[in-house]
Protein backbone atom coordinates (compact mmCIF):
# COMPACT_ATOMS: atom_id res chain seq x y z
CA UNK A 1 -27.47 87.33 151.64
CA UNK A 2 -24.49 85.98 153.61
CA UNK A 3 -24.72 87.37 157.19
CA UNK A 4 -20.98 87.20 157.89
CA UNK A 5 -20.09 89.01 154.66
CA UNK A 6 -22.77 91.59 155.34
CA UNK A 7 -21.34 92.40 158.77
CA UNK A 8 -17.79 92.58 157.41
CA UNK A 9 -18.67 94.86 154.50
CA UNK A 10 -20.94 97.01 156.66
CA UNK A 11 -18.05 97.72 159.03
CA UNK A 12 -15.49 98.25 156.27
CA UNK A 13 -17.79 100.68 154.41
CA UNK A 14 -19.80 102.11 157.30
CA UNK A 15 -19.20 105.71 156.20
CA UNK A 16 -20.76 104.95 152.80
CA UNK A 17 -24.12 103.92 154.25
CA UNK A 18 -26.81 106.45 153.27
CA UNK A 19 -30.32 105.11 153.94
CA UNK A 20 -33.00 106.20 151.52
CA UNK A 21 -30.66 107.11 148.65
CA UNK A 22 -30.90 105.63 145.16
CA UNK A 23 -28.81 102.52 144.47
CA UNK A 24 -26.25 102.93 141.71
CA UNK A 25 -24.07 99.84 142.22
CA UNK A 26 -26.26 96.88 143.23
CA UNK A 27 -24.10 94.10 144.70
CA UNK A 28 -25.23 90.67 145.82
CA UNK A 29 -22.86 88.68 148.03
CA UNK A 30 -23.71 85.02 148.67
CA UNK A 31 -22.03 81.96 150.12
CA UNK A 32 -21.85 79.03 147.71
CA UNK A 33 -22.11 75.34 148.50
CA UNK A 34 -18.32 74.97 148.44
CA UNK A 35 -18.10 77.68 151.20
CA UNK A 36 -16.59 80.25 148.86
CA UNK A 37 -18.20 83.69 148.63
CA UNK A 38 -19.52 84.97 145.32
CA UNK A 39 -19.71 88.68 144.56
CA UNK A 40 -22.22 89.76 141.95
CA UNK A 41 -22.95 93.19 140.46
CA UNK A 42 -26.30 93.91 138.80
CA UNK A 43 -26.96 90.20 138.43
CA UNK A 44 -23.56 89.34 136.92
CA UNK A 45 -20.79 87.44 138.75
CA UNK A 46 -17.78 89.63 139.50
CA UNK A 47 -15.44 87.46 141.56
CA UNK A 48 -15.24 84.74 144.19
CA UNK A 49 -13.47 84.86 147.54
CA UNK A 50 -12.25 82.11 149.84
CA UNK A 51 -11.87 84.21 153.00
CA UNK A 52 -12.51 87.65 154.49
CA UNK A 53 -9.28 89.12 153.08
CA UNK A 54 -10.16 88.05 149.54
CA UNK A 55 -13.72 89.32 149.96
CA UNK A 56 -12.62 92.82 150.98
CA UNK A 57 -9.92 92.88 148.29
CA UNK A 58 -12.28 91.80 145.50
CA UNK A 59 -15.08 94.09 146.63
CA UNK A 60 -12.72 97.07 146.82
CA UNK A 61 -11.26 96.31 143.41
CA UNK A 62 -14.70 96.16 141.82
CA UNK A 63 -15.90 99.40 143.43
CA UNK A 64 -12.73 101.22 142.38
CA UNK A 65 -13.21 100.20 138.75
CA UNK A 66 -16.93 100.95 138.70
CA UNK A 67 -16.47 104.41 140.24
CA UNK A 68 -14.04 105.32 137.47
CA UNK A 69 -16.70 104.39 134.91
CA UNK A 70 -19.39 106.39 136.70
CA UNK A 71 -17.35 109.53 137.40
CA UNK A 72 -15.17 109.95 134.33
CA UNK A 73 -14.77 113.68 134.99
CA UNK A 74 -12.73 112.89 138.12
CA UNK A 75 -9.09 111.90 138.09
CA UNK A 76 -8.53 108.99 140.48
CA UNK A 77 -5.16 108.98 142.23
CA UNK A 78 -3.75 106.11 144.28
CA UNK A 79 -3.13 108.23 147.38
CA UNK A 80 -4.19 108.94 150.93
CA UNK A 81 -6.03 112.24 151.43
CA UNK A 82 -6.13 114.17 154.71
CA UNK A 83 -7.41 117.65 155.51
CA UNK A 84 -5.69 120.11 157.84
CA UNK A 85 -6.25 123.83 158.07
CA UNK A 86 -8.94 123.82 155.41
CA UNK A 87 -6.86 122.20 152.67
CA UNK A 88 -6.14 118.60 151.71
CA UNK A 89 -2.75 116.92 151.44
CA UNK A 90 -2.18 113.85 149.31
CA UNK A 91 0.23 111.15 150.45
CA UNK A 92 1.54 109.15 147.50
CA UNK A 93 3.73 106.08 147.87
CA UNK A 94 4.05 102.55 146.51
CA UNK A 95 2.05 99.91 148.39
CA UNK A 96 3.87 98.82 151.51
CA UNK A 97 5.81 102.07 151.93
CA UNK A 98 3.95 103.29 155.01
CA UNK A 99 1.28 105.47 153.41
CA UNK A 100 -1.57 104.13 155.52
CA UNK A 101 0.56 103.95 158.68
CA UNK A 102 1.50 107.60 158.21
CA UNK A 103 -2.18 108.37 157.62
CA UNK A 104 -3.04 106.67 160.92
CA UNK A 105 -0.39 108.73 162.73
CA UNK A 106 -1.66 111.99 161.18
CA UNK A 107 -5.22 111.17 162.23
CA UNK A 108 -3.85 110.90 165.76
CA UNK A 109 -2.37 114.39 165.29
CA UNK A 110 -5.45 116.39 164.36
CA UNK A 111 -5.85 115.69 160.64
CA UNK A 112 -9.25 114.90 159.11
CA UNK A 113 -9.85 111.79 157.02
CA UNK A 114 -10.89 111.63 153.38
CA UNK A 115 -9.20 108.38 152.33
CA UNK A 116 -6.13 106.23 152.81
CA UNK A 117 -6.18 104.73 149.33
CA UNK A 118 -8.15 106.58 146.67
CA UNK A 119 -8.23 110.33 146.00
CA UNK A 120 -10.77 111.34 143.33
CA UNK A 121 -9.94 114.89 142.15
CA UNK A 122 -12.33 117.29 140.40
CA UNK A 123 -10.03 118.90 137.85
CA UNK A 124 -12.31 121.93 137.46
CA UNK A 125 -12.35 122.87 141.15
CA UNK A 126 -9.22 121.00 142.33
CA UNK A 127 -11.21 119.62 145.22
CA UNK A 128 -10.66 116.12 146.56
CA UNK A 129 -13.75 113.95 146.99
CA UNK A 130 -14.15 111.58 149.92
CA UNK A 131 -13.51 107.85 149.73
CA UNK A 132 -13.77 106.98 153.45
CA UNK A 133 -13.54 103.21 153.63
CA UNK A 134 -12.00 101.61 156.70
CA UNK A 135 -8.34 102.53 156.98
CA UNK A 136 -6.29 99.52 155.88
CA UNK A 137 -2.95 98.61 157.44
CA UNK A 138 -0.66 95.73 156.58
CA UNK A 139 0.90 95.60 160.06
CA UNK A 140 0.13 97.02 163.51
CA UNK A 141 1.44 100.60 163.89
CA UNK A 142 4.27 101.27 166.35
CA UNK A 143 3.76 102.87 169.75
CA UNK A 144 2.11 105.14 170.74
CA UNK A 145 -0.34 104.69 167.87
CA UNK A 146 -2.36 101.81 169.26
CA UNK A 147 -5.30 100.27 167.39
CA UNK A 148 -8.78 100.62 168.93
CA UNK A 149 -10.95 97.77 170.10
CA UNK A 150 -13.24 96.72 167.27
CA UNK A 151 -10.50 96.83 164.61
CA UNK A 152 -11.05 94.19 161.90
CA UNK A 153 -8.28 91.64 161.32
CA UNK A 154 -8.05 89.47 158.21
CA UNK A 155 -5.37 86.97 157.25
CA UNK A 156 -3.18 89.70 155.71
CA UNK A 157 -4.62 93.11 156.59
CA UNK A 158 -5.94 95.24 159.45
CA UNK A 159 -8.97 97.49 158.92
CA UNK A 160 -9.99 100.33 161.25
CA UNK A 161 -13.66 101.26 160.65
CA UNK A 162 -14.25 104.97 160.13
CA UNK A 163 -16.25 105.39 163.35
CA UNK A 164 -13.19 104.18 165.30
CA UNK A 165 -10.73 106.62 163.72
CA UNK A 166 -9.19 109.13 166.16
CA UNK A 167 -9.64 112.08 163.81
CA UNK A 168 -12.72 113.60 162.23
CA UNK A 169 -14.00 112.61 158.81
CA UNK A 170 -14.46 115.33 156.20
CA UNK A 171 -18.09 115.75 155.22
CA UNK A 172 -17.57 117.43 151.84
CA UNK A 173 -14.92 117.75 149.11
CA UNK A 174 -11.85 119.67 150.23
CA UNK A 175 -9.47 121.87 148.17
CA UNK A 176 -6.05 120.50 147.27
CA UNK A 177 -3.13 122.03 149.12
CA UNK A 178 -0.02 119.85 149.03
CA UNK A 179 1.30 116.57 147.69
CA UNK A 180 3.82 114.50 149.63
CA UNK A 181 5.67 111.64 147.93
CA UNK A 182 6.61 109.28 150.76
CA UNK A 183 9.82 107.32 150.97
CA UNK A 184 10.67 105.27 154.05
CA UNK A 185 14.37 105.26 154.93
CA UNK A 186 15.27 103.53 158.23
CA UNK A 187 18.83 104.87 157.93
CA UNK A 188 17.85 108.52 157.67
CA UNK A 189 19.04 110.69 160.56
CA UNK A 190 15.58 112.28 160.78
CA UNK A 191 12.52 112.86 158.57
CA UNK A 192 12.87 115.47 155.84
CA UNK A 193 10.61 117.23 153.36
CA UNK A 194 12.28 118.49 150.20
CA UNK A 195 10.45 120.59 147.58
CA UNK A 196 10.54 119.02 144.12
CA UNK A 197 10.02 120.55 140.70
CA UNK A 198 6.62 120.72 139.05
CA UNK A 199 7.92 118.48 136.26
CA UNK A 200 9.06 115.78 138.68
CA UNK A 201 5.82 116.04 140.65
CA UNK A 202 3.72 115.83 137.49
CA UNK A 203 5.54 112.67 136.39
CA UNK A 204 5.00 111.03 139.78
CA UNK A 205 1.33 112.02 139.90
CA UNK A 206 0.88 110.65 136.38
CA UNK A 207 2.35 107.30 137.36
CA UNK A 208 -0.08 107.01 140.28
CA UNK A 209 -3.27 107.94 138.39
CA UNK A 210 -5.76 105.19 137.58
CA UNK A 211 -8.00 106.50 134.79
CA UNK A 212 -5.69 108.57 132.61
CA UNK A 213 -7.32 107.56 129.32
CA UNK A 214 -10.58 109.19 130.42
CA UNK A 215 -8.90 112.60 130.22
CA UNK A 216 -7.47 114.79 127.49
CA UNK A 217 -4.00 114.07 126.15
CA UNK A 218 -3.99 110.71 127.98
CA UNK A 219 -4.18 112.46 131.35
CA UNK A 220 -0.98 114.49 130.92
CA UNK A 221 -2.81 117.80 131.30
CA UNK A 222 -4.54 116.54 134.45
CA UNK A 223 -1.27 115.50 136.11
CA UNK A 224 0.38 118.82 135.21
CA UNK A 225 -2.61 120.78 136.52
CA UNK A 226 -2.45 119.06 139.90
CA UNK A 227 1.32 119.52 140.20
CA UNK A 228 1.10 123.15 139.10
CA UNK A 229 -1.56 123.99 141.67
CA UNK A 230 -0.10 122.33 144.76
CA UNK A 231 3.04 122.44 146.86
CA UNK A 232 4.96 119.22 146.17
CA UNK A 233 7.53 117.54 148.40
CA UNK A 234 9.52 114.36 148.72
CA UNK A 235 8.96 113.20 152.31
CA UNK A 236 11.55 110.86 153.80
CA UNK A 237 10.11 109.17 156.89
CA UNK A 238 11.55 106.99 159.64
CA UNK A 239 9.83 108.27 162.79
CA UNK A 240 6.06 108.75 162.80
CA UNK A 241 5.85 111.40 165.51
CA UNK A 242 8.63 113.47 163.97
CA UNK A 243 7.15 113.00 160.50
CA UNK A 244 3.77 114.29 161.69
CA UNK A 245 5.39 117.35 163.28
CA UNK A 246 7.37 117.98 160.09
CA UNK A 247 4.30 117.75 157.86
CA UNK A 248 2.42 120.19 160.11
CA UNK A 249 5.36 122.60 159.99
CA UNK A 250 5.61 122.40 156.20
CA UNK A 251 1.88 123.01 155.76
CA UNK A 252 1.98 125.98 158.11
CA UNK A 253 4.62 127.61 155.87
CA UNK A 254 2.74 127.14 152.58
């Protein structure tokens, strides 16, 4: 009901729009008398926002939680997901470590987009489902990875709508192939990708999962299954172009 919020959310979640489908999560976004924005879900207040950054943050947080309730059979990982050569790679890193910037660079190098933030995994098929919201960056990427006209800028974040991404968007779930645990090191001589043990990978996957209690043995089996069925690497990055070439090389050898 607030035109500005509608335009902002429509651009940030343009790839989610599916006219004629049944509504599962019914949100109402309105501007209050004090100029703050109220977010409601199924008639109940969820949160309030004072600006566009807070609106996108609160909306995303609510959707992430509600999806975990709706799809308990999926394991939700805090990770970027990109497809190349018919299989999907997960990029896992703490917030602010360059995960989304690396995702942007890979999209400029022929990878297909599933998500830059949330990777829902079907543990029965080991396929990654799509979560294609606008790619979110905390700072402009370095040259030559320029941002397109029409990119959304908030007080703290940059959002590239899906229709402006340089790479294709996957249209269906994609099988898991590899997991890269990113670590940015400005002092590294060059990027490197080092295989890590299944035990170490399982522990790192476990620490980045969101809905562990929805799965058997508190999610331990799920994390081990993912680690056991993927090639796992620690990726040290410091140059985006070289990192992209390295990732492509590693995937070609799997």
